[in-house]
Amino acid sequence: NMMMIVDISGSSQEFATISKELEQIGDEIGVNIKCQREEIF
């Protein structure tokens, strides 16, 4: 179980893309990866 607080302001990727790509990485390695904007969380 891991929780990270990250700053995506330096990335050229949109939040939706980051979320989708991390979810795909999770699928590849057998874990569930979810992203939420801080204000929604």
All heavy atoms as atom14 arrays in JSON, in Angstrom:
{
  "sequence": "NMMMIVDISGSSQEFATISKELEQIGDEIGVNIKCQREEIF",
  "atom14_mask": [
    [1, 1, 1, 1, 1, 1, 1, 1, 0, 0, 0, 0, 0, 0],
    [1, 1, 1, 1, 1, 1, 1, 1, 0, 0, 0, 0, 0, 0],
    [1, 1, 1, 1, 1, 1, 1, 1, 0, 0, 0, 0, 0, 0],
    [1, 1, 1, 1, 1, 1, 1, 1, 0, 0, 0, 0, 0, 0],
    [1, 1, 1, 1, 1, 1, 1, 1, 0, 0, 0, 0, 0, 0],
    [1, 1, 1, 1, 1, 1, 1, 0, 0, 0, 0, 0, 0, 0],
    [1, 1, 1, 1, 1, 1, 1, 1, 0, 0, 0, 0, 0, 0],
    [1, 1, 1, 1, 1, 1, 1, 1, 0, 0, 0, 0, 0, 0],
    [1, 1, 1, 1, 1, 1, 0, 0, 0, 0, 0, 0, 0, 0],
    [1, 1, 1, 1, 0, 0, 0, 0, 0, 0, 0, 0, 0, 0],
    [1, 1, 1, 1, 1, 1, 0, 0, 0, 0, 0, 0, 0, 0],
    [1, 1, 1, 1, 1, 1, 0, 0, 0, 0, 0, 0, 0, 0],
    [1, 1, 1, 1, 1, 1, 1, 1, 1, 0, 0, 0, 0, 0],
    [1, 1, 1, 1, 1, 1, 1, 1, 1, 0, 0, 0, 0, 0],
    [1, 1, 1, 1, 1, 1, 1, 1, 1, 1, 1, 0, 0, 0],
    [1, 1, 1, 1, 1, 0, 0, 0, 0, 0, 0, 0, 0, 0],
    [1, 1, 1, 1, 1, 1, 1, 0, 0, 0, 0, 0, 0, 0],
    [1, 1, 1, 1, 1, 1, 1, 1, 0, 0, 0, 0, 0, 0],
    [1, 1, 1, 1, 1, 1, 0, 0, 0, 0, 0, 0, 0, 0],
    [1, 1, 1, 1, 1, 1, 1, 1, 1, 0, 0, 0, 0, 0],
    [1, 1, 1, 1, 1, 1, 1, 1, 1, 0, 0, 0, 0, 0],
    [1, 1, 1, 1, 1, 1, 1, 1, 0, 0, 0, 0, 0, 0],
    [1, 1, 1, 1, 1, 1, 1, 1, 1, 0, 0, 0, 0, 0],
    [1, 1, 1, 1, 1, 1, 1, 1, 1, 0, 0, 0, 0, 0],
    [1, 1, 1, 1, 1, 1, 1, 1, 0, 0, 0, 0, 0, 0],
    [1, 1, 1, 1, 0, 0, 0, 0, 0, 0, 0, 0, 0, 0],
    [1, 1, 1, 1, 1, 1, 1, 1, 0, 0, 0, 0, 0, 0],
    [1, 1, 1, 1, 1, 1, 1, 1, 1, 0, 0, 0, 0, 0],
    [1, 1, 1, 1, 1, 1, 1, 1, 0, 0, 0, 0, 0, 0],
    [1, 1, 1, 1, 0, 0, 0, 0, 0, 0, 0, 0, 0, 0],
    [1, 1, 1, 1, 1, 1, 1, 0, 0, 0, 0, 0, 0, 0],
    [1, 1, 1, 1, 1, 1, 1, 1, 0, 0, 0, 0, 0, 0],
    [1, 1, 1, 1, 1, 1, 1, 1, 0, 0, 0, 0, 0, 0],
    [1, 1, 1, 1, 1, 1, 1, 1, 1, 0, 0, 0, 0, 0],
    [1, 1, 1, 1, 1, 1, 0, 0, 0, 0, 0, 0, 0, 0],
    [1, 1, 1, 1, 1, 1, 1, 1, 1, 0, 0, 0, 0, 0],
    [1, 1, 1, 1, 1, 1, 1, 1, 1, 1, 1, 0, 0, 0],
    [1, 1, 1, 1, 1, 1, 1, 1, 1, 0, 0, 0, 0, 0],
    [1, 1, 1, 1, 1, 1, 1, 1, 1, 0, 0, 0, 0, 0],
    [1, 1, 1, 1, 1, 1, 1, 1, 0, 0, 0, 0, 0, 0],
    [1, 1, 1, 1, 1, 1, 1, 1, 1, 1, 1, 0, 0, 0]
  ],
  "atom14_positions": [
    [[0.86, -1.18, 0.0], [0.0, 0.0, 0.0], [0.9, 1.23, 0.0], [1.74, 1.37, 0.89], [-0.9, 0.0, 1.23], [-1.89, 1.14, 1.24], [-2.08, 1.82, 0.23], [-2.51, 1.36, 2.37], [0.0, 0.0, 0.0], [0.0, 0.0, 0.0], [0.0, 0.0, 0.0], [0.0, 0.0, 0.0], [0.0, 0.0, 0.0], [0.0, 0.0, 0.0]],
    [[0.74, 2.1, -0.99], [1.55, 3.31, -1.08], [0.66, 4.5, -1.41], [-0.26, 4.4, -2.21], [2.62, 3.17, -2.16], [3.49, 4.4, -2.33], [4.95, 4.12, -3.38], [4.2, 3.83, -4.98], [0.0, 0.0, 0.0], [0.0, 0.0, 0.0], [0.0, 0.0, 0.0], [0.0, 0.0, 0.0], [0.0, 0.0, 0.0], [0.0, 0.0, 0.0]],
    [[0.94, 5.61, -0.74], [0.27, 6.87, -1.04], [1.35, 7.91, -1.31], [2.3, 8.03, -0.53], [-0.6, 7.3, 0.13], [-1.32, 8.6, -0.11], [-2.42, 8.93, 1.28], [-2.72, 10.65, 1.02], [0.0, 0.0, 0.0], [0.0, 0.0, 0.0], [0.0, 0.0, 0.0], [0.0, 0.0, 0.0], [0.0, 0.0, 0.0], [0.0, 0.0, 0.0]],
    [[1.2, 8.62, -2.39], [2.16, 9.65, -2.77], [1.42, 10.97, -2.99], [0.31, 10.97, -3.52], [2.87, 9.29, -4.08], [3.53, 7.95, -4.08], [4.15, 7.53, -5.72], [5.79, 8.22, -5.59], [0.0, 0.0, 0.0], [0.0, 0.0, 0.0], [0.0, 0.0, 0.0], [0.0, 0.0, 0.0], [0.0, 0.0, 0.0], [0.0, 0.0, 0.0]],
    [[2.05, 12.04, -2.6], [1.58, 13.37, -2.97], [2.62, 13.9, -3.95], [3.8, 13.99, -3.62], [1.44, 14.29, -1.75], [0.45, 13.69, -0.76], [0.99, 15.69, -2.2], [0.36, 14.41, 0.56], [0.0, 0.0, 0.0], [0.0, 0.0, 0.0], [0.0, 0.0, 0.0], [0.0, 0.0, 0.0], [0.0, 0.0, 0.0], [0.0, 0.0, 0.0]],
    [[2.17, 14.2, -5.15], [3.09, 14.63, -6.21], [2.64, 15.97, -6.77], [1.48, 16.36, -6.66], [3.18, 13.58, -7.35], [3.66, 12.24, -6.81], [1.86, 13.42, -8.08], [0.0, 0.0, 0.0], [0.0, 0.0, 0.0], [0.0, 0.0, 0.0], [0.0, 0.0, 0.0], [0.0, 0.0, 0.0], [0.0, 0.0, 0.0], [0.0, 0.0, 0.0]],
    [[3.6, 16.66, -7.39], [3.34, 17.93, -8.05], [3.51, 17.71, -9.55], [4.62, 17.43, -10.01], [4.31, 18.99, -7.53], [4.13, 20.35, -8.19], [3.21, 20.5, -9.02], [4.92, 21.25, -7.88], [0.0, 0.0, 0.0], [0.0, 0.0, 0.0], [0.0, 0.0, 0.0], [0.0, 0.0, 0.0], [0.0, 0.0, 0.0], [0.0, 0.0, 0.0]],
    [[2.4, 17.8, -10.29], [2.46, 17.54, -11.73], [2.64, 18.81, -12.57], [2.6, 18.76, -13.79], [1.22, 16.74, -12.22], [-0.06, 17.54, -12.08], [1.12, 15.41, -11.49], [-1.26, 16.89, -12.76], [0.0, 0.0, 0.0], [0.0, 0.0, 0.0], [0.0, 0.0, 0.0], [0.0, 0.0, 0.0], [0.0, 0.0, 0.0], [0.0, 0.0, 0.0]],
    [[2.88, 19.95, -11.91], [2.97, 21.21, -12.66], [4.17, 21.25, -13.61], [4.14, 22.01, -14.58], [3.0, 22.41, -11.7], [4.13, 22.35, -10.86], [0.0, 0.0, 0.0], [0.0, 0.0, 0.0], [0.0, 0.0, 0.0], [0.0, 0.0, 0.0], [0.0, 0.0, 0.0], [0.0, 0.0, 0.0], [0.0, 0.0, 0.0], [0.0, 0.0, 0.0]],
    [[5.19, 20.45, -13.39], [6.35, 20.43, -14.29], [6.2, 19.51, -15.48], [7.03, 19.48, -16.38], [0.0, 0.0, 0.0], [0.0, 0.0, 0.0], [0.0, 0.0, 0.0], [0.0, 0.0, 0.0], [0.0, 0.0, 0.0], [0.0, 0.0, 0.0], [0.0, 0.0, 0.0], [0.0, 0.0, 0.0], [0.0, 0.0, 0.0], [0.0, 0.0, 0.0]],
    [[5.1, 18.77, -15.51], [4.9, 17.8, -16.59], [4.18, 18.43, -17.78], [3.32, 19.29, -17.61], [4.05, 16.62, -16.07], [3.83, 15.68, -17.1], [0.0, 0.0, 0.0], [0.0, 0.0, 0.0], [0.0, 0.0, 0.0], [0.0, 0.0, 0.0], [0.0, 0.0, 0.0], [0.0, 0.0, 0.0], [0.0, 0.0, 0.0], [0.0, 0.0, 0.0]],
    [[4.53, 17.96, -18.95], [3.83, 18.42, -20.16], [2.56, 17.6, -20.4], [1.75, 17.93, -21.26], [4.75, 18.32, -21.38], [5.14, 16.96, -21.59], [0.0, 0.0, 0.0], [0.0, 0.0, 0.0], [0.0, 0.0, 0.0], [0.0, 0.0, 0.0], [0.0, 0.0, 0.0], [0.0, 0.0, 0.0], [0.0, 0.0, 0.0], [0.0, 0.0, 0.0]],
    [[2.37, 16.54, -19.61], [1.2, 15.69, -19.76], [0.01, 16.27, -18.98], [0.18, 16.87, -17.94], [1.49, 14.28, -19.2], [2.63, 13.56, -19.85], [2.29, 13.09, -21.26], [1.13, 13.1, -21.7], [3.31, 12.7, -22.0], [0.0, 0.0, 0.0], [0.0, 0.0, 0.0], [0.0, 0.0, 0.0], [0.0, 0.0, 0.0], [0.0, 0.0, 0.0]],
    [[-1.17, 16.05, -19.5], [-2.4, 16.43, -18.81], [-2.68, 15.43, -17.69], [-2.24, 14.27, -17.77], [-3.58, 16.45, -19.78], [-3.48, 17.49, -20.87], [-3.62, 18.91, -20.32], [-4.41, 19.1, -19.37], [-2.96, 19.81, -20.83], [0.0, 0.0, 0.0], [0.0, 0.0, 0.0], [0.0, 0.0, 0.0], [0.0, 0.0, 0.0], [0.0, 0.0, 0.0]],
    [[-3.44, 15.85, -16.69], [-3.79, 14.98, -15.57], [-4.41, 13.67, -16.08], [-4.05, 12.58, -15.6], [-4.77, 15.69, -14.62], [-5.32, 14.78, -13.56], [-4.61, 14.54, -12.4], [-6.55, 14.16, -13.74], [-5.1, 13.68, -11.43], [-7.05, 13.31, -12.77], [-6.34, 13.07, -11.62], [0.0, 0.0, 0.0], [0.0, 0.0, 0.0], [0.0, 0.0, 0.0]],
    [[-5.34, 13.74, -17.01], [-6.03, 12.54, -17.5], [-5.06, 11.55, -18.13], [-5.2, 10.34, -17.95], [-7.12, 12.93, -18.51], [0.0, 0.0, 0.0], [0.0, 0.0, 0.0], [0.0, 0.0, 0.0], [0.0, 0.0, 0.0], [0.0, 0.0, 0.0], [0.0, 0.0, 0.0], [0.0, 0.0, 0.0], [0.0, 0.0, 0.0], [0.0, 0.0, 0.0]],
    [[-4.07, 12.05, -18.83], [-3.07, 11.19, -19.46], [-2.2, 10.52, -18.4], [-1.94, 9.32, -18.47], [-2.18, 12.0, -20.44], [-3.03, 12.59, -21.43], [-1.14, 11.13, -21.1], [0.0, 0.0, 0.0], [0.0, 0.0, 0.0], [0.0, 0.0, 0.0], [0.0, 0.0, 0.0], [0.0, 0.0, 0.0], [0.0, 0.0, 0.0], [0.0, 0.0, 0.0]],
    [[-1.76, 11.3, -17.43], [-0.94, 10.75, -16.34], [-1.72, 9.65, -15.62], [-1.21, 8.56, -15.38], [-0.53, 11.87, -15.36], [0.43, 12.84, -16.05], [0.09, 11.28, -14.09], [0.64, 14.15, -15.29], [0.0, 0.0, 0.0], [0.0, 0.0, 0.0], [0.0, 0.0, 0.0], [0.0, 0.0, 0.0], [0.0, 0.0, 0.0], [0.0, 0.0, 0.0]],
    [[-2.96, 9.93, -15.3], [-3.81, 8.97, -14.6], [-3.97, 7.68, -15.4], [-3.82, 6.58, -14.87], [-5.17, 9.6, -14.32], [-5.98, 8.73, -13.6], [0.0, 0.0, 0.0], [0.0, 0.0, 0.0], [0.0, 0.0, 0.0], [0.0, 0.0, 0.0], [0.0, 0.0, 0.0], [0.0, 0.0, 0.0], [0.0, 0.0, 0.0], [0.0, 0.0, 0.0]],
    [[-4.25, 7.82, -16.68], [-4.44, 6.65, -17.55], [-3.16, 5.85, -17.68], [-3.18, 4.61, -17.59], [-4.93, 7.11, -18.93], [-5.17, 5.99, -19.89], [-5.65, 6.51, -21.23], [-5.76, 5.37, -22.22], [-6.05, 5.84, -23.57], [0.0, 0.0, 0.0], [0.0, 0.0, 0.0], [0.0, 0.0, 0.0], [0.0, 0.0, 0.0], [0.0, 0.0, 0.0]],
    [[-2.03, 6.52, -17.88], [-0.77, 5.81, -18.05], [-0.33, 5.1, -16.77], [0.18, 3.98, -16.82], [0.31, 6.76, -18.56], [0.05, 7.18, -19.99], [1.05, 8.18, -20.55], [1.87, 8.74, -19.79], [1.0, 8.4, -21.78], [0.0, 0.0, 0.0], [0.0, 0.0, 0.0], [0.0, 0.0, 0.0], [0.0, 0.0, 0.0], [0.0, 0.0, 0.0]],
    [[-0.55, 5.73, -15.62], [-0.23, 5.06, -14.36], [-1.14, 3.86, -14.13], [-0.69, 2.82, -13.64], [-0.31, 6.05, -13.19], [0.9, 6.97, -13.04], [0.62, 8.07, -12.03], [2.15, 6.19, -12.65], [0.0, 0.0, 0.0], [0.0, 0.0, 0.0], [0.0, 0.0, 0.0], [0.0, 0.0, 0.0], [0.0, 0.0, 0.0], [0.0, 0.0, 0.0]],
    [[-2.39, 3.99, -14.49], [-3.32, 2.87, -14.37], [-2.85, 1.7, -15.24], [-2.9, 0.54, -14.82], [-4.72, 3.31, -14.78], [-5.82, 2.43, -14.24], [-7.19, 3.05, -14.45], [-7.41, 4.2, -14.03], [-8.05, 2.36, -15.02], [0.0, 0.0, 0.0], [0.0, 0.0, 0.0], [0.0, 0.0, 0.0], [0.0, 0.0, 0.0], [0.0, 0.0, 0.0]],
    [[-2.35, 2.0, -16.44], [-1.84, 0.97, -17.34], [-0.59, 0.3, -16.75], [-0.44, -0.92, -16.83], [-1.52, 1.56, -18.71], [-2.76, 1.93, -19.49], [-2.45, 2.72, -20.76], [-1.38, 3.3, -20.92], [-3.42, 2.76, -21.67], [0.0, 0.0, 0.0], [0.0, 0.0, 0.0], [0.0, 0.0, 0.0], [0.0, 0.0, 0.0], [0.0, 0.0, 0.0]],
    [[0.28, 1.09, -16.13], [1.46, 0.53, -15.47], [1.01, -0.41, -14.35], [1.56, -1.51, -14.18], [2.38, 1.65, -14.92], [3.07, 2.36, -16.08], [3.41, 1.09, -13.94], [3.8, 3.63, -15.7], [0.0, 0.0, 0.0], [0.0, 0.0, 0.0], [0.0, 0.0, 0.0], [0.0, 0.0, 0.0], [0.0, 0.0, 0.0], [0.0, 0.0, 0.0]],
    [[0.01, 0.01, -13.58], [-0.53, -0.84, -12.53], [-1.03, -2.17, -13.08], [-0.75, -3.23, -12.51], [0.0, 0.0, 0.0], [0.0, 0.0, 0.0], [0.0, 0.0, 0.0], [0.0, 0.0, 0.0], [0.0, 0.0, 0.0], [0.0, 0.0, 0.0], [0.0, 0.0, 0.0], [0.0, 0.0, 0.0], [0.0, 0.0, 0.0], [0.0, 0.0, 0.0]],
    [[-1.74, -2.13, -14.2], [-2.23, -3.36, -14.83], [-1.07, -4.27, -15.22], [-1.13, -5.48, -15.04], [-3.06, -3.03, -16.08], [-4.41, -2.39, -15.74], [-4.84, -2.46, -14.57], [-5.01, -1.79, -16.66], [0.0, 0.0, 0.0], [0.0, 0.0, 0.0], [0.0, 0.0, 0.0], [0.0, 0.0, 0.0], [0.0, 0.0, 0.0], [0.0, 0.0, 0.0]],
    [[0.0, -3.67, -15.74], [1.19, -4.45, -16.16], [1.87, -5.15, -15.0], [2.38, -6.26, -15.15], [2.21, -3.53, -16.85], [1.78, -2.99, -18.18], [2.71, -1.89, -18.69], [3.82, -1.72, -18.13], [2.31, -1.19, -19.64], [0.0, 0.0, 0.0], [0.0, 0.0, 0.0], [0.0, 0.0, 0.0], [0.0, 0.0, 0.0], [0.0, 0.0, 0.0]],
    [[1.9, -4.5, -13.82], [2.63, -5.07, -12.69], [1.71, -5.68, -11.63], [2.18, -6.14, -10.59], [3.6, -4.03, -12.06], [2.85, -2.8, -11.51], [4.67, -3.63, -13.05], [3.74, -1.79, -10.81], [0.0, 0.0, 0.0], [0.0, 0.0, 0.0], [0.0, 0.0, 0.0], [0.0, 0.0, 0.0], [0.0, 0.0, 0.0], [0.0, 0.0, 0.0]],
    [[0.42, -5.69, -11.89], [-0.52, -6.39, -11.02], [-0.94, -5.64, -9.76], [-1.24, -6.27, -8.74], [0.0, 0.0, 0.0], [0.0, 0.0, 0.0], [0.0, 0.0, 0.0], [0.0, 0.0, 0.0], [0.0, 0.0, 0.0], [0.0, 0.0, 0.0], [0.0, 0.0, 0.0], [0.0, 0.0, 0.0], [0.0, 0.0, 0.0], [0.0, 0.0, 0.0]],
    [[-0.95, -4.32, -9.83], [-1.43, -3.51, -8.72], [-2.46, -2.51, -9.23], [-2.57, -2.29, -10.43], [-0.28, -2.75, -8.0], [0.69, -3.73, -7.36], [0.42, -1.79, -8.93], [0.0, 0.0, 0.0], [0.0, 0.0, 0.0], [0.0, 0.0, 0.0], [0.0, 0.0, 0.0], [0.0, 0.0, 0.0], [0.0, 0.0, 0.0], [0.0, 0.0, 0.0]],
    [[-3.19, -1.9, -8.31], [-4.2, -0.9, -8.67], [-3.6, 0.47, -8.39], [-3.26, 0.77, -7.24], [-5.45, -1.15, -7.82], [-6.6, -0.28, -8.21], [-6.44, 0.87, -8.58], [-7.79, -0.83, -8.09], [0.0, 0.0, 0.0], [0.0, 0.0, 0.0], [0.0, 0.0, 0.0], [0.0, 0.0, 0.0], [0.0, 0.0, 0.0], [0.0, 0.0, 0.0]],
    [[-3.47, 1.3, -9.41], [-2.94, 2.66, -9.26], [-4.04, 3.65, -9.62], [-4.61, 3.59, -10.71], [-1.7, 2.9, -10.14], [-0.6, 1.9, -9.82], [-1.2, 4.35, -9.97], [0.65, 2.03, -10.69], [0.0, 0.0, 0.0], [0.0, 0.0, 0.0], [0.0, 0.0, 0.0], [0.0, 0.0, 0.0], [0.0, 0.0, 0.0], [0.0, 0.0, 0.0]],
    [[-4.3, 4.56, -8.69], [-5.32, 5.59, -8.9], [-4.73, 6.97, -8.62], [-3.91, 7.13, -7.73], [-6.52, 5.38, -7.97], [-7.28, 4.11, -8.23], [-7.97, 4.15, -9.56], [-8.73, 2.85, -9.8], [-9.11, 2.68, -11.17], [0.0, 0.0, 0.0], [0.0, 0.0, 0.0], [0.0, 0.0, 0.0], [0.0, 0.0, 0.0], [0.0, 0.0, 0.0]],
    [[-5.17, 7.96, -9.38], [-4.76, 9.35, -9.2], [-5.99, 10.19, -8.91], [-7.04, 9.99, -9.53], [-4.11, 9.9, -10.47], [-2.59, 9.09, -10.94], [0.0, 0.0, 0.0], [0.0, 0.0, 0.0], [0.0, 0.0, 0.0], [0.0, 0.0, 0.0], [0.0, 0.0, 0.0], [0.0, 0.0, 0.0], [0.0, 0.0, 0.0], [0.0, 0.0, 0.0]],
    [[-5.83, 11.13, -7.98], [-6.9, 12.09, -7.7], [-6.28, 13.45, -7.5], [-5.22, 13.57, -6.86], [-7.65, 11.73, -6.41], [-8.67, 10.66, -6.55], [-9.46, 10.52, -5.25], [-8.89, 10.21, -4.23], [-10.75, 10.76, -5.33], [0.0, 0.0, 0.0], [0.0, 0.0, 0.0], [0.0, 0.0, 0.0], [0.0, 0.0, 0.0], [0.0, 0.0, 0.0]],
    [[-6.93, 14.46, -8.03], [-6.48, 15.82, -7.76], [-6.65, 16.08, -6.26], [-7.59, 15.61, -5.64], [-7.29, 16.81, -8.56], [-7.07, 16.69, -10.05], [-7.88, 17.76, -10.76], [-7.81, 17.62, -12.18], [-6.83, 18.08, -12.95], [-5.82, 18.72, -12.41], [-6.86, 17.92, -14.26], [0.0, 0.0, 0.0], [0.0, 0.0, 0.0], [0.0, 0.0, 0.0]],
    [[-5.73, 16.85, -5.69], [-5.75, 17.11, -4.25], [-7.08, 17.7, -3.79], [-7.62, 17.27, -2.77], [-4.6, 18.05, -3.87], [-4.55, 18.33, -2.39], [-3.43, 19.29, -2.02], [-3.15, 20.23, -2.81], [-2.86, 19.11, -0.95], [0.0, 0.0, 0.0], [0.0, 0.0, 0.0], [0.0, 0.0, 0.0], [0.0, 0.0, 0.0], [0.0, 0.0, 0.0]],
    [[-7.63, 18.64, -4.53], [-8.86, 19.28, -4.08], [-10.03, 18.3, -4.07], [-10.9, 18.38, -3.2], [-9.2, 20.52, -4.91], [-9.39, 20.28, -6.4], [-8.11, 20.35, -7.23], [-7.0, 20.36, -6.67], [-8.24, 20.38, -8.46], [0.0, 0.0, 0.0], [0.0, 0.0, 0.0], [0.0, 0.0, 0.0], [0.0, 0.0, 0.0], [0.0, 0.0, 0.0]],
    [[-10.07, 17.34, -4.99], [-11.12, 16.32, -5.0], [-10.92, 15.37, -3.82], [-11.86, 15.02, -3.11], [-11.12, 15.54, -6.33], [-11.31, 16.49, -7.52], [-12.17, 14.44, -6.31], [-12.6, 17.24, -7.54], [0.0, 0.0, 0.0], [0.0, 0.0, 0.0], [0.0, 0.0, 0.0], [0.0, 0.0, 0.0], [0.0, 0.0, 0.0], [0.0, 0.0, 0.0]],
    [[-9.67, 14.96, -3.61], [-9.34, 14.07, -2.5], [-9.77, 14.71, -1.17], [-10.39, 14.07, -0.33], [-7.84, 13.76, -2.5], [-7.43, 12.75, -1.47], [-7.47, 11.4, -1.76], [-6.99, 13.14, -0.22], [-7.09, 10.45, -0.83], [-6.6, 12.21, 0.73], [-6.65, 10.87, 0.42], [0.0, 0.0, 0.0], [0.0, 0.0, 0.0], [0.0, 0.0, 0.0]]
  ]
}
